[in-house]
Amino acid sequence: MQALAIIGLSILAAVLYGIVHDQITARICVEYFTIGHARLIDSDSPTVLGFFWGVVATWWVGLFLGIGLAIAARAGRRRKLMVKDLIPSLRKLLIAMFAVALIAGCIGYFGGKAGVFILIEELASRMPAYRHVAFLTCGWAHSASYLAGLVGGITLWIRTWRRRGAASAG
């Protein structure tokens, strides 16, 4: 049951992060969701899009993270970690992801304003030029969140496995 709880917690954490992240970015550039994504929902509301994509685009990330974390925390003969033991580490991961997304969003914004980054033509012609920098800001923030989640998730798996080994040796 603990392994399922770890997977469930990971899915919940990813979805909540995704909803918060998308509520912010949908207000920066709703076109990121209406033009930059497949039109899976008939809405232009930043709130609706933020909730919808916050769930759809992140639940599977949480599942992937959770399966690896459950294995790292529970498999084998080492002392097993409980779901409550992993909450602080998951919280730190989400905070780090948010910080990385914020920094990357600023890079996208300032790089877009300076003309260092431009929107590719396939997207550029589908929205007004004054929205391009906002789109780039969101694109950088979203890409950074996924990258930080991937690197951070793998790091969390390794640290969790090692934590169990250190606890067993002590």
N, C-alpha and C. Protein backbone atom coordinates (compact mmCIF):
# COMPACT_ATOMS: atom_id res chain seq x y z
N MET A 1 0.81 -1.20 0.00
CA MET A 1 0.00 0.00 0.00
C MET A 1 0.85 1.27 0.00
N GLN A 2 2.00 1.23 0.66
CA GLN A 2 2.87 2.40 0.70
C GLN A 2 3.36 2.77 -0.71
N ALA A 3 3.67 1.77 -1.51
CA ALA A 3 4.12 2.05 -2.87
C ALA A 3 3.02 2.76 -3.66
N LEU A 4 1.79 2.32 -3.52
CA LEU A 4 0.68 2.99 -4.21
C LEU A 4 0.47 4.39 -3.66
N ALA A 5 0.65 4.57 -2.37
CA ALA A 5 0.52 5.90 -1.77
C ALA A 5 1.60 6.84 -2.31
N ILE A 6 2.81 6.34 -2.50
CA ILE A 6 3.90 7.14 -3.05
C ILE A 6 3.58 7.55 -4.48
N ILE A 7 3.06 6.61 -5.26
CA ILE A 7 2.67 6.92 -6.64
C ILE A 7 1.54 7.94 -6.64
N GLY A 8 0.55 7.74 -5.80
CA GLY A 8 -0.58 8.68 -5.71
C GLY A 8 -0.13 10.07 -5.29
N LEU A 9 0.75 10.15 -4.30
CA LEU A 9 1.27 11.44 -3.85
C LEU A 9 2.04 12.13 -4.98
N SER A 10 2.81 11.37 -5.73
CA SER A 10 3.58 11.94 -6.83
C SER A 10 2.66 12.49 -7.93
N ILE A 11 1.61 11.75 -8.24
CA ILE A 11 0.64 12.23 -9.23
C ILE A 11 -0.04 13.49 -8.72
N LEU A 12 -0.47 13.49 -7.47
CA LEU A 12 -1.12 14.65 -6.89
C LEU A 12 -0.19 15.87 -6.90
N ALA A 13 1.06 15.67 -6.50
CA ALA A 13 2.03 16.77 -6.47
C ALA A 13 2.24 17.33 -7.87
N ALA A 14 2.39 16.45 -8.86
CA ALA A 14 2.62 16.90 -10.24
C ALA A 14 1.41 17.67 -10.76
N VAL A 15 0.22 17.17 -10.51
CA VAL A 15 -0.99 17.82 -10.99
C VAL A 15 -1.19 19.18 -10.31
N LEU A 16 -0.98 19.25 -9.01
CA LEU A 16 -1.12 20.53 -8.32
C LEU A 16 -0.10 21.53 -8.83
N TYR A 17 1.14 21.08 -9.03
CA TYR A 17 2.17 21.95 -9.60
C TYR A 17 1.74 22.42 -10.99
N GLY A 18 1.28 21.49 -11.80
CA GLY A 18 0.85 21.84 -13.16
C GLY A 18 -0.27 22.85 -13.18
N ILE A 19 -1.23 22.70 -12.28
CA ILE A 19 -2.35 23.64 -12.23
C ILE A 19 -1.87 25.03 -11.83
N VAL A 20 -1.04 25.12 -10.80
CA VAL A 20 -0.52 26.42 -10.37
C VAL A 20 0.30 27.05 -11.50
N HIS A 21 1.20 26.27 -12.06
CA HIS A 21 2.07 26.75 -13.15
C HIS A 21 1.24 27.23 -14.33
N ASP A 22 0.25 26.46 -14.72
CA ASP A 22 -0.55 26.81 -15.88
C ASP A 22 -1.53 27.94 -15.60
N GLN A 23 -1.96 28.11 -14.36
CA GLN A 23 -2.78 29.27 -14.03
C GLN A 23 -1.99 30.55 -14.23
N ILE A 24 -0.71 30.50 -13.92
CA ILE A 24 0.15 31.68 -14.11
C ILE A 24 0.43 31.90 -15.60
N THR A 25 0.90 30.86 -16.26
CA THR A 25 1.31 31.03 -17.66
C THR A 25 0.12 31.28 -18.60
N ALA A 26 -1.05 30.76 -18.26
CA ALA A 26 -2.22 31.03 -19.10
C ALA A 26 -2.60 32.51 -19.04
N ARG A 27 -2.25 33.15 -17.96
CA ARG A 27 -2.53 34.59 -17.85
C ARG A 27 -1.44 35.43 -18.51
N ILE A 28 -0.26 34.87 -18.64
CA ILE A 28 0.81 35.56 -19.37
C ILE A 28 0.54 35.49 -20.87
N CYS A 29 0.15 34.30 -21.33
CA CYS A 29 -0.09 34.13 -22.78
C CYS A 29 -1.07 33.00 -23.02
N VAL A 30 -2.34 33.35 -23.14
CA VAL A 30 -3.36 32.34 -23.39
C VAL A 30 -3.13 31.64 -24.73
N GLU A 31 -2.49 32.33 -25.66
CA GLU A 31 -2.21 31.73 -26.98
C GLU A 31 -1.26 30.55 -26.88
N TYR A 32 -0.46 30.50 -25.82
CA TYR A 32 0.41 29.35 -25.63
C TYR A 32 -0.43 28.07 -25.55
N PHE A 33 -1.62 28.20 -25.00
CA PHE A 33 -2.51 27.04 -24.84
C PHE A 33 -3.50 26.90 -26.00
N THR A 34 -3.93 28.01 -26.57
CA THR A 34 -4.94 27.94 -27.63
C THR A 34 -4.35 27.75 -29.02
N ILE A 35 -3.12 28.21 -29.21
CA ILE A 35 -2.45 28.07 -30.51
C ILE A 35 -1.28 27.09 -30.42
N GLY A 36 -0.56 27.12 -29.33
CA GLY A 36 0.63 26.29 -29.17
C GLY A 36 0.35 24.85 -28.79
N HIS A 37 -0.88 24.55 -28.42
CA HIS A 37 -1.27 23.19 -28.05
C HIS A 37 -2.43 22.73 -28.93
N ALA A 38 -2.60 21.44 -29.00
CA ALA A 38 -3.77 20.89 -29.69
C ALA A 38 -5.03 21.41 -29.01
N ARG A 39 -6.03 21.67 -29.77
CA ARG A 39 -7.28 22.23 -29.23
C ARG A 39 -8.15 21.09 -28.70
N LEU A 40 -7.86 20.64 -27.47
CA LEU A 40 -8.59 19.53 -26.87
C LEU A 40 -9.81 19.99 -26.09
N ILE A 41 -9.88 21.29 -25.82
CA ILE A 41 -11.00 21.83 -25.05
C ILE A 41 -11.42 23.14 -25.72
N ASP A 42 -12.71 23.34 -25.82
CA ASP A 42 -13.23 24.53 -26.50
C ASP A 42 -13.42 25.66 -25.49
N SER A 43 -12.30 26.30 -25.15
CA SER A 43 -12.33 27.42 -24.21
C SER A 43 -11.14 28.32 -24.47
N ASP A 44 -11.34 29.60 -24.25
CA ASP A 44 -10.27 30.58 -24.29
C ASP A 44 -10.03 31.16 -22.89
N SER A 45 -10.70 30.62 -21.91
CA SER A 45 -10.57 31.10 -20.54
C SER A 45 -9.23 30.66 -19.95
N PRO A 46 -8.41 31.60 -19.48
CA PRO A 46 -7.15 31.22 -18.86
C PRO A 46 -7.34 30.28 -17.66
N THR A 47 -8.41 30.49 -16.91
CA THR A 47 -8.67 29.65 -15.74
C THR A 47 -9.00 28.23 -16.16
N VAL A 48 -9.90 28.07 -17.11
CA VAL A 48 -10.28 26.74 -17.58
C VAL A 48 -9.08 26.04 -18.22
N LEU A 49 -8.37 26.77 -19.09
CA LEU A 49 -7.20 26.18 -19.75
C LEU A 49 -6.12 25.81 -18.75
N GLY A 50 -5.91 26.65 -17.75
CA GLY A 50 -4.91 26.35 -16.72
C GLY A 50 -5.23 25.09 -15.94
N PHE A 51 -6.50 24.92 -15.59
CA PHE A 51 -6.89 23.70 -14.88
C PHE A 51 -6.80 22.48 -15.81
N PHE A 52 -7.35 22.62 -17.01
CA PHE A 52 -7.36 21.49 -17.94
C PHE A 52 -5.94 21.02 -18.24
N TRP A 53 -5.09 21.93 -18.74
CA TRP A 53 -3.74 21.53 -19.12
C TRP A 53 -2.87 21.22 -17.90
N GLY A 54 -3.20 21.84 -16.77
CA GLY A 54 -2.47 21.52 -15.54
C GLY A 54 -2.62 20.06 -15.15
N VAL A 55 -3.77 19.48 -15.45
CA VAL A 55 -4.00 18.06 -15.18
C VAL A 55 -3.49 17.19 -16.34
N VAL A 56 -3.93 17.51 -17.54
CA VAL A 56 -3.64 16.67 -18.71
C VAL A 56 -2.14 16.55 -18.97
N ALA A 57 -1.42 17.64 -18.79
CA ALA A 57 0.00 17.65 -19.15
C ALA A 57 0.92 17.18 -18.03
N THR A 58 0.37 16.89 -16.85
CA THR A 58 1.27 16.55 -15.74
C THR A 58 0.98 15.23 -15.02
N TRP A 59 -0.22 14.70 -15.13
CA TRP A 59 -0.53 13.49 -14.36
C TRP A 59 0.44 12.36 -14.69
N TRP A 60 0.77 12.24 -15.97
CA TRP A 60 1.65 11.16 -16.43
C TRP A 60 3.08 11.37 -15.93
N VAL A 61 3.48 12.64 -15.77
CA VAL A 61 4.81 12.93 -15.22
C VAL A 61 4.85 12.45 -13.77
N GLY A 62 3.77 12.73 -13.04
CA GLY A 62 3.67 12.27 -11.66
C GLY A 62 3.66 10.75 -11.55
N LEU A 63 3.00 10.10 -12.49
CA LEU A 63 2.99 8.63 -12.49
C LEU A 63 4.40 8.09 -12.69
N PHE A 64 5.10 8.62 -13.68
CA PHE A 64 6.47 8.20 -13.97
C PHE A 64 7.38 8.45 -12.77
N LEU A 65 7.29 9.66 -12.21
CA LEU A 65 8.07 10.00 -11.02
C LEU A 65 7.72 9.06 -9.86
N GLY A 66 6.44 8.84 -9.66
CA GLY A 66 5.98 8.03 -8.54
C GLY A 66 6.40 6.58 -8.63
N ILE A 67 6.37 6.00 -9.80
CA ILE A 67 6.80 4.60 -9.95
C ILE A 67 8.28 4.48 -9.59
N GLY A 68 9.10 5.35 -10.15
CA GLY A 68 10.53 5.33 -9.82
C GLY A 68 10.79 5.59 -8.35
N LEU A 69 10.05 6.52 -7.78
CA LEU A 69 10.22 6.86 -6.37
C LEU A 69 9.76 5.72 -5.47
N ALA A 70 8.68 5.07 -5.84
CA ALA A 70 8.20 3.92 -5.06
C ALA A 70 9.23 2.79 -5.08
N ILE A 71 9.83 2.55 -6.22
CA ILE A 71 10.88 1.52 -6.32
C ILE A 71 12.07 1.91 -5.46
N ALA A 72 12.51 3.17 -5.60
CA ALA A 72 13.67 3.63 -4.83
C ALA A 72 13.42 3.59 -3.33
N ALA A 73 12.19 3.82 -2.91
CA ALA A 73 11.85 3.90 -1.48
C ALA A 73 11.48 2.55 -0.87
N ARG A 74 11.06 1.59 -1.69
CA ARG A 74 10.46 0.38 -1.11
C ARG A 74 11.10 -0.94 -1.58
N ALA A 75 11.76 -0.98 -2.73
CA ALA A 75 12.24 -2.24 -3.29
C ALA A 75 13.45 -2.78 -2.53
N GLY A 76 13.56 -4.07 -2.54
CA GLY A 76 14.74 -4.71 -1.95
C GLY A 76 14.65 -4.89 -0.45
N ARG A 77 15.82 -5.21 0.12
CA ARG A 77 15.89 -5.53 1.54
C ARG A 77 16.24 -4.35 2.44
N ARG A 78 16.64 -3.27 1.84
CA ARG A 78 17.00 -2.08 2.63
C ARG A 78 15.79 -1.60 3.44
N ARG A 79 16.08 -0.77 4.44
CA ARG A 79 15.00 -0.18 5.24
C ARG A 79 14.07 0.58 4.30
N LYS A 80 12.80 0.33 4.42
CA LYS A 80 11.83 0.93 3.52
C LYS A 80 11.39 2.30 4.04
N LEU A 81 11.25 3.25 3.11
CA LEU A 81 10.76 4.57 3.46
C LEU A 81 9.25 4.62 3.27
N MET A 82 8.62 5.39 4.09
CA MET A 82 7.18 5.57 4.03
C MET A 82 6.88 6.82 3.21
N VAL A 83 5.63 6.96 2.79
CA VAL A 83 5.23 8.11 1.99
C VAL A 83 5.55 9.41 2.74
N LYS A 84 5.33 9.45 4.05
CA LYS A 84 5.58 10.67 4.83
C LYS A 84 7.06 11.05 4.82
N ASP A 85 7.94 10.06 4.65
CA ASP A 85 9.38 10.34 4.60
C ASP A 85 9.77 11.08 3.32
N LEU A 86 8.94 11.00 2.31
CA LEU A 86 9.27 11.56 0.99
C LEU A 86 8.66 12.94 0.75
N ILE A 87 7.74 13.36 1.60
CA ILE A 87 7.06 14.64 1.40
C ILE A 87 8.04 15.82 1.37
N PRO A 88 8.98 15.93 2.31
CA PRO A 88 9.92 17.07 2.24
C PRO A 88 10.74 17.10 0.94
N SER A 89 11.16 15.94 0.48
CA SER A 89 11.94 15.89 -0.77
C SER A 89 11.10 16.28 -1.97
N LEU A 90 9.87 15.83 -2.01
CA LEU A 90 8.97 16.22 -3.11
C LEU A 90 8.69 17.72 -3.08
N ARG A 91 8.50 18.26 -1.88
CA ARG A 91 8.26 19.70 -1.75
C ARG A 91 9.46 20.48 -2.28
N LYS A 92 10.66 20.06 -1.93
CA LYS A 92 11.88 20.73 -2.41
C LYS A 92 11.98 20.64 -3.94
N LEU A 93 11.63 19.50 -4.50
CA LEU A 93 11.66 19.34 -5.95
C LEU A 93 10.71 20.33 -6.62
N LEU A 94 9.49 20.45 -6.11
CA LEU A 94 8.52 21.36 -6.70
C LEU A 94 8.97 22.81 -6.60
N ILE A 95 9.55 23.18 -5.47
CA ILE A 95 10.05 24.54 -5.30
C ILE A 95 11.20 24.81 -6.28
N ALA A 96 12.08 23.84 -6.41
CA ALA A 96 13.20 23.98 -7.36
C ALA A 96 12.68 24.10 -8.79
N MET A 97 11.70 23.30 -9.14
CA MET A 97 11.12 23.36 -10.48
C MET A 97 10.51 24.73 -10.74
N PHE A 98 9.82 25.26 -9.75
CA PHE A 98 9.19 26.57 -9.91
C PHE A 98 10.25 27.66 -10.08
N ALA A 99 11.32 27.57 -9.29
CA ALA A 99 12.41 28.55 -9.40
C ALA A 99 13.07 28.49 -10.78
N VAL A 100 13.32 27.28 -11.26
CA VAL A 100 13.93 27.11 -12.58
C VAL A 100 12.99 27.65 -13.66
N ALA A 101 11.69 27.38 -13.53
CA ALA A 101 10.72 27.88 -14.50
C ALA A 101 10.68 29.41 -14.49
N LEU A 102 10.75 30.00 -13.32
CA LEU A 102 10.74 31.46 -13.20
C LEU A 102 11.97 32.07 -13.88
N ILE A 103 13.12 31.50 -13.60
CA ILE A 103 14.36 31.99 -14.22
C ILE A 103 14.31 31.81 -15.74
N ALA A 104 13.89 30.64 -16.18
CA ALA A 104 13.81 30.38 -17.63
C ALA A 104 12.78 31.29 -18.29
N GLY A 105 11.66 31.52 -17.63
CA GLY A 105 10.66 32.44 -18.17
C GLY A 105 11.25 33.84 -18.35
N CYS A 106 12.05 34.28 -17.39
CA CYS A 106 12.72 35.59 -17.52
C CYS A 106 13.72 35.59 -18.67
N ILE A 107 14.43 34.50 -18.84
CA ILE A 107 15.36 34.39 -19.97
C ILE A 107 14.59 34.47 -21.28
N GLY A 108 13.48 33.74 -21.37
CA GLY A 108 12.66 33.79 -22.58
C GLY A 108 12.10 35.18 -22.82
N TYR A 109 11.68 35.84 -21.75
CA TYR A 109 11.12 37.19 -21.89
C TYR A 109 12.17 38.18 -22.38
N PHE A 110 13.27 38.26 -21.65
CA PHE A 110 14.30 39.24 -22.01
C PHE A 110 14.98 38.90 -23.33
N GLY A 111 15.17 37.60 -23.59
CA GLY A 111 15.73 37.18 -24.87
C GLY A 111 14.80 37.49 -26.02
N GLY A 112 13.50 37.34 -25.80
CA GLY A 112 12.52 37.68 -26.82
C GLY A 112 12.44 39.18 -27.06
N LYS A 113 12.47 39.95 -25.96
CA LYS A 113 12.44 41.41 -26.09
C LYS A 113 13.65 41.92 -26.86
N ALA A 114 14.80 41.29 -26.64
CA ALA A 114 16.04 41.72 -27.29
C ALA A 114 16.17 41.17 -28.71
N GLY A 115 15.26 40.30 -29.11
CA GLY A 115 15.33 39.72 -30.45
C GLY A 115 16.30 38.56 -30.56
N VAL A 116 16.82 38.10 -29.43
CA VAL A 116 17.73 36.94 -29.42
C VAL A 116 16.94 35.68 -29.74
N PHE A 117 15.73 35.59 -29.19
CA PHE A 117 14.84 34.46 -29.45
C PHE A 117 13.66 34.98 -30.26
N ILE A 118 13.26 34.20 -31.24
CA ILE A 118 12.09 34.57 -32.04
C ILE A 118 11.17 33.35 -32.15
N LEU A 119 9.93 33.64 -32.37
CA LEU A 119 8.94 32.58 -32.53
C LEU A 119 9.04 32.03 -33.95
N ILE A 120 9.03 30.73 -34.09
CA ILE A 120 9.13 30.12 -35.42
C ILE A 120 7.90 30.49 -36.25
N GLU A 121 8.09 30.53 -37.55
CA GLU A 121 7.06 31.04 -38.44
C GLU A 121 5.74 30.27 -38.34
N GLU A 122 5.81 29.01 -38.15
CA GLU A 122 4.57 28.23 -38.06
C GLU A 122 3.63 28.83 -37.00
N LEU A 123 4.20 29.29 -35.91
CA LEU A 123 3.41 29.90 -34.85
C LEU A 123 3.30 31.42 -35.01
N ALA A 124 4.38 32.03 -35.46
CA ALA A 124 4.46 33.50 -35.52
C ALA A 124 3.33 34.11 -36.33
N SER A 125 2.97 33.51 -37.42
CA SER A 125 1.93 34.09 -38.29
C SER A 125 0.52 33.84 -37.74
N ARG A 126 0.40 33.02 -36.73
CA ARG A 126 -0.92 32.69 -36.19
C ARG A 126 -1.35 33.59 -35.04
N MET A 127 -0.46 34.53 -34.65
CA MET A 127 -0.81 35.44 -33.56
C MET A 127 -0.16 36.80 -33.80
N PRO A 128 -0.71 37.82 -33.17
CA PRO A 128 -0.13 39.16 -33.35
C PRO A 128 1.31 39.21 -32.84
N ALA A 129 2.12 40.02 -33.49
CA ALA A 129 3.54 40.13 -33.15
C ALA A 129 3.74 40.56 -31.70
N TYR A 130 2.84 41.39 -31.16
CA TYR A 130 3.01 41.85 -29.78
C TYR A 130 2.83 40.73 -28.75
N ARG A 131 2.35 39.55 -29.15
CA ARG A 131 2.16 38.41 -28.25
C ARG A 131 3.33 37.43 -28.30
N HIS A 132 4.26 37.62 -29.23
CA HIS A 132 5.36 36.68 -29.41
C HIS A 132 6.23 36.55 -28.17
N VAL A 133 6.58 37.66 -27.55
CA VAL A 133 7.45 37.61 -26.37
C VAL A 133 6.75 36.87 -25.23
N ALA A 134 5.47 37.11 -25.05
CA ALA A 134 4.72 36.40 -24.01
C ALA A 134 4.71 34.89 -24.29
N PHE A 135 4.54 34.52 -25.54
CA PHE A 135 4.55 33.11 -25.92
C PHE A 135 5.91 32.49 -25.61
N LEU A 136 6.98 33.20 -25.97
CA LEU A 136 8.34 32.71 -25.69
C LEU A 136 8.57 32.57 -24.18
N THR A 137 8.06 33.52 -23.42
CA THR A 137 8.19 33.47 -21.96
C THR A 137 7.58 32.17 -21.43
N CYS A 138 6.37 31.87 -21.88
CA CYS A 138 5.69 30.64 -21.44
C CYS A 138 6.40 29.39 -21.93
N GLY A 139 6.84 29.42 -23.17
CA GLY A 139 7.55 28.26 -23.72
C GLY A 139 8.80 27.94 -22.93
N TRP A 140 9.57 28.97 -22.61
CA TRP A 140 10.78 28.76 -21.81
C TRP A 140 10.43 28.24 -20.41
N ALA A 141 9.42 28.82 -19.79
CA ALA A 141 9.03 28.39 -18.44
C ALA A 141 8.56 26.94 -18.44
N HIS A 142 7.75 26.57 -19.42
CA HIS A 142 7.24 25.19 -19.48
C HIS A 142 8.35 24.19 -19.78
N SER A 143 9.18 24.50 -20.74
CA SER A 143 10.29 23.60 -21.08
C SER A 143 11.21 23.40 -19.88
N ALA A 144 11.48 24.49 -19.18
CA ALA A 144 12.35 24.40 -18.00
C ALA A 144 11.72 23.57 -16.89
N SER A 145 10.42 23.67 -16.71
CA SER A 145 9.74 22.87 -15.70
C SER A 145 9.88 21.38 -15.98
N TYR A 146 9.68 21.02 -17.24
CA TYR A 146 9.83 19.60 -17.60
C TYR A 146 11.27 19.13 -17.41
N LEU A 147 12.22 19.93 -17.85
CA LEU A 147 13.62 19.55 -17.71
C LEU A 147 14.02 19.46 -16.24
N ALA A 148 13.63 20.45 -15.45
CA ALA A 148 13.94 20.43 -14.02
C ALA A 148 13.25 19.24 -13.33
N GLY A 149 12.04 18.94 -13.76
CA GLY A 149 11.33 17.79 -13.20
C GLY A 149 12.02 16.48 -13.54
N LEU A 150 12.49 16.36 -14.77
CA LEU A 150 13.19 15.14 -15.19
C LEU A 150 14.49 14.97 -14.41
N VAL A 151 15.33 16.01 -14.43
CA VAL A 151 16.61 15.93 -13.72
C VAL A 151 16.39 15.79 -12.22
N GLY A 152 15.47 16.59 -11.69
CA GLY A 152 15.18 16.53 -10.26
C GLY A 152 14.56 15.21 -9.84
N GLY A 153 13.70 14.67 -10.68
CA GLY A 153 13.07 13.38 -10.37
C GLY A 153 14.08 12.25 -10.33
N ILE A 154 14.96 12.20 -11.31
CA ILE A 154 16.01 11.17 -11.32
C ILE A 154 16.93 11.35 -10.12
N THR A 155 17.28 12.59 -9.83
CA THR A 155 18.10 12.87 -8.64
C THR A 155 17.39 12.41 -7.38
N LEU A 156 16.09 12.65 -7.30
CA LEU A 156 15.31 12.23 -6.13
C LEU A 156 15.29 10.71 -6.01
N TRP A 157 15.16 10.00 -7.12
CA TRP A 157 15.22 8.54 -7.07
C TRP A 157 16.56 8.08 -6.49
N ILE A 158 17.65 8.63 -7.00
CA ILE A 158 19.00 8.22 -6.56
C ILE A 158 19.20 8.56 -5.09
N ARG A 159 18.83 9.76 -4.71
CA ARG A 159 19.01 10.19 -3.31
C ARG A 159 18.16 9.34 -2.36
N THR A 160 16.97 8.98 -2.81
CA THR A 160 16.09 8.15 -1.99
C THR A 160 16.70 6.76 -1.80
N TRP A 161 17.20 6.17 -2.87
CA TRP A 161 17.84 4.86 -2.80
C TRP A 161 19.05 4.90 -1.87
N ARG A 162 19.87 5.92 -2.05
CA ARG A 162 21.07 6.07 -1.20
C ARG A 162 20.71 6.32 0.25
N ARG A 163 19.67 7.09 0.47
CA ARG A 163 19.20 7.37 1.84
C ARG A 163 18.83 6.07 2.56
N ARG A 164 18.23 5.18 1.84
CA ARG A 164 17.86 3.89 2.43
C ARG A 164 19.11 3.08 2.77
N GLY A 165 20.12 3.13 1.90
CA GLY A 165 21.36 2.41 2.15
C GLY A 165 22.10 2.96 3.34
N ALA A 166 22.12 4.29 3.44
CA ALA A 166 22.80 4.94 4.55
C ALA A 166 22.08 4.62 5.86
N ALA A 167 20.77 4.58 5.83
CA ALA A 167 20.00 4.28 7.03
C ALA A 167 20.19 2.82 7.45
N SER A 168 20.32 1.92 6.48
CA SER A 168 20.52 0.50 6.80
C SER A 168 21.89 0.24 7.39
N ALA A 169 22.89 0.99 6.91
CA ALA A 169 24.26 0.80 7.39
C ALA A 169 24.44 1.33 8.79
N GLY A 170 23.61 2.33 9.17
CA GLY A 170 23.78 3.01 10.47
C GLY A 170 23.12 2.30 11.53
